[in-house]
Amino acid sequence: MATIRGVVVSKQLVYDPTGARYVKIDIVEERELPGPVAAFSAQDEQAAQLMREVMPLVSQIVRSLPFGGGKIAVPRITLWLTDEEVEVFGDVDVGDAVIIYVENNEIKLKPES
C-alpha cells in the first residue's frame, strides 16, 4: 500500500454548466527541495573541489528563498465533491493534512487525525 501525506491548498465553490454546485479541493504533497545540481560534470579535481566548497553555501541560499523554506508543493489530487459528498467525507479546510492511500486499484483519502 502506498501512503501519501497531503495538504489542502485550495478549496473553492464552483458550478458546472448545468448550475450544479461543487466544492473543488486541491491537495498537494510537500517535498523537500532537492539540492542544486551542477549543470556540468567536474572533469578535474580542482573543479570537483570547488563544487564541494560551494555547494553547502548554494544549498543554504536556496533554502532561505521565500518560496517555501526548502519545500516544493507537488500537485497530487483534485476532488470535485457535491455538498452531500463533503458532508460524508468530512469538512476539510485549507492547511488541513490528509492521508491518501493507494492499494489494489483503489484510492482512499481521509483527513489526518
Protein backbone atom coordinates (compact mmCIF):
# COMPACT_ATOMS: atom_id res chain seq x y z
CA MET A 1 0.00 0.00 0.00
CA ALA A 2 1.30 3.43 -0.91
CA THR A 3 0.62 6.24 1.53
CA ILE A 4 0.89 9.93 0.67
CA ARG A 5 0.62 12.75 3.18
CA GLY A 6 -1.08 15.70 1.51
CA VAL A 7 -2.07 19.22 2.44
CA VAL A 8 -5.21 21.02 1.28
CA VAL A 9 -4.06 24.16 -0.55
CA SER A 10 -7.26 25.31 -2.20
CA LYS A 11 -10.98 24.98 -1.56
CA GLN A 12 -13.38 26.66 -3.98
CA LEU A 13 -17.09 26.71 -4.62
CA VAL A 14 -17.70 26.11 -8.34
CA TYR A 15 -20.68 25.50 -10.60
CA ASP A 16 -20.86 23.23 -13.63
CA PRO A 17 -22.61 24.34 -16.86
CA THR A 18 -25.94 22.94 -15.62
CA GLY A 19 -25.74 25.01 -12.45
CA ALA A 20 -24.89 22.12 -10.13
CA ARG A 21 -22.77 23.25 -7.20
CA TYR A 22 -19.46 21.56 -6.32
CA VAL A 23 -16.67 22.07 -3.84
CA LYS A 24 -13.26 21.80 -5.55
CA ILE A 25 -10.47 20.69 -3.19
CA ASP A 26 -6.83 20.73 -4.35
CA ILE A 27 -4.34 18.61 -2.42
CA VAL A 28 -0.55 18.76 -2.77
CA GLU A 29 2.32 16.79 -1.33
CA GLU A 30 5.09 18.86 0.23
CA ARG A 31 8.56 17.59 -0.64
CA GLU A 32 11.99 18.77 0.33
CA LEU A 33 13.55 20.94 -2.35
CA PRO A 34 16.34 18.96 -3.99
CA GLY A 35 19.78 20.43 -3.63
CA PRO A 36 21.26 22.34 -6.53
CA VAL A 37 22.62 20.11 -9.26
CA ALA A 38 25.69 21.10 -11.20
CA ALA A 39 24.98 21.81 -14.85
CA PHE A 40 28.33 20.40 -15.77
CA SER A 41 30.31 17.39 -14.77
CA ALA A 42 33.52 18.08 -12.92
CA GLN A 43 36.25 16.71 -15.14
CA ASP A 44 39.20 17.56 -12.98
CA GLU A 45 39.96 17.51 -9.29
CA GLN A 46 40.16 21.31 -9.00
CA ALA A 47 36.60 21.75 -10.32
CA ALA A 48 35.35 18.95 -8.07
CA GLN A 49 36.96 20.56 -5.03
CA LEU A 50 35.42 23.94 -5.90
CA MET A 51 31.96 22.33 -6.15
CA ARG A 52 32.40 20.63 -2.74
CA GLU A 53 33.22 24.01 -1.20
CA VAL A 54 30.46 25.99 -2.94
CA MET A 55 27.53 23.54 -2.72
CA PRO A 56 26.82 23.96 1.03
CA LEU A 57 26.61 27.73 0.56
CA VAL A 58 24.37 27.42 -2.51
CA SER A 59 22.12 24.93 -0.67
CA GLN A 60 21.77 27.31 2.27
CA ILE A 61 20.86 30.20 -0.04
CA VAL A 62 18.22 28.12 -1.85
CA ARG A 63 16.63 27.06 1.47
CA SER A 64 16.41 30.69 2.57
CA LEU A 65 14.47 31.80 -0.52
CA PRO A 66 10.90 32.92 0.18
CA PHE A 67 9.15 30.15 -1.77
CA GLY A 68 8.50 27.56 0.88
CA GLY A 69 11.54 27.28 3.10
CA GLY A 70 13.21 24.49 1.17
CA LYS A 71 9.98 22.68 0.22
CA ILE A 72 8.08 22.39 -3.02
CA ALA A 73 4.40 21.61 -3.48
CA VAL A 74 3.70 18.73 -5.86
CA PRO A 75 0.05 18.58 -7.05
CA ARG A 76 -1.39 15.17 -6.15
CA ILE A 77 -5.18 15.12 -6.31
CA THR A 78 -8.16 17.37 -7.02
CA LEU A 79 -11.60 16.44 -5.69
CA TRP A 80 -14.90 17.74 -7.05
CA LEU A 81 -17.50 16.99 -4.36
CA THR A 82 -21.18 17.81 -4.05
CA ASP A 83 -22.40 19.30 -0.78
CA GLU A 84 -23.65 15.85 0.28
CA GLU A 85 -20.28 14.25 -0.52
CA VAL A 86 -18.47 16.92 1.51
CA GLU A 87 -20.69 16.04 4.49
CA VAL A 88 -19.87 12.33 4.11
CA PHE A 89 -16.15 12.97 3.59
CA GLY A 90 -15.86 15.45 6.44
CA ASP A 91 -15.22 19.12 6.14
CA VAL A 92 -11.60 19.97 5.38
CA ASP A 93 -10.14 23.43 5.07
CA VAL A 94 -7.05 24.99 3.54
CA GLY A 95 -3.99 23.93 5.51
CA ASP A 96 -5.51 20.66 6.76
CA ALA A 97 -3.45 17.50 6.36
CA VAL A 98 -4.93 14.45 4.65
CA ILE A 99 -3.69 10.91 4.06
CA ILE A 100 -4.06 9.35 0.60
CA TYR A 101 -3.93 5.54 0.44
CA VAL A 102 -3.39 3.77 -2.89
CA GLU A 103 -3.89 0.00 -2.96
CA ASN A 104 -5.45 -2.64 -5.24
CA ASN A 105 -6.86 -0.19 -7.80
CA GLU A 106 -8.42 1.93 -5.06
CA ILE A 107 -7.66 5.40 -3.79
CA LYS A 108 -8.80 6.21 -0.26
CA LEU A 109 -8.50 9.63 1.28
CA LYS A 110 -9.14 10.71 4.85
CA PRO A 111 -8.38 13.73 6.99
CA GLU A 112 -5.32 13.24 9.19
CA SER A 113 -6.19 12.98 12.87
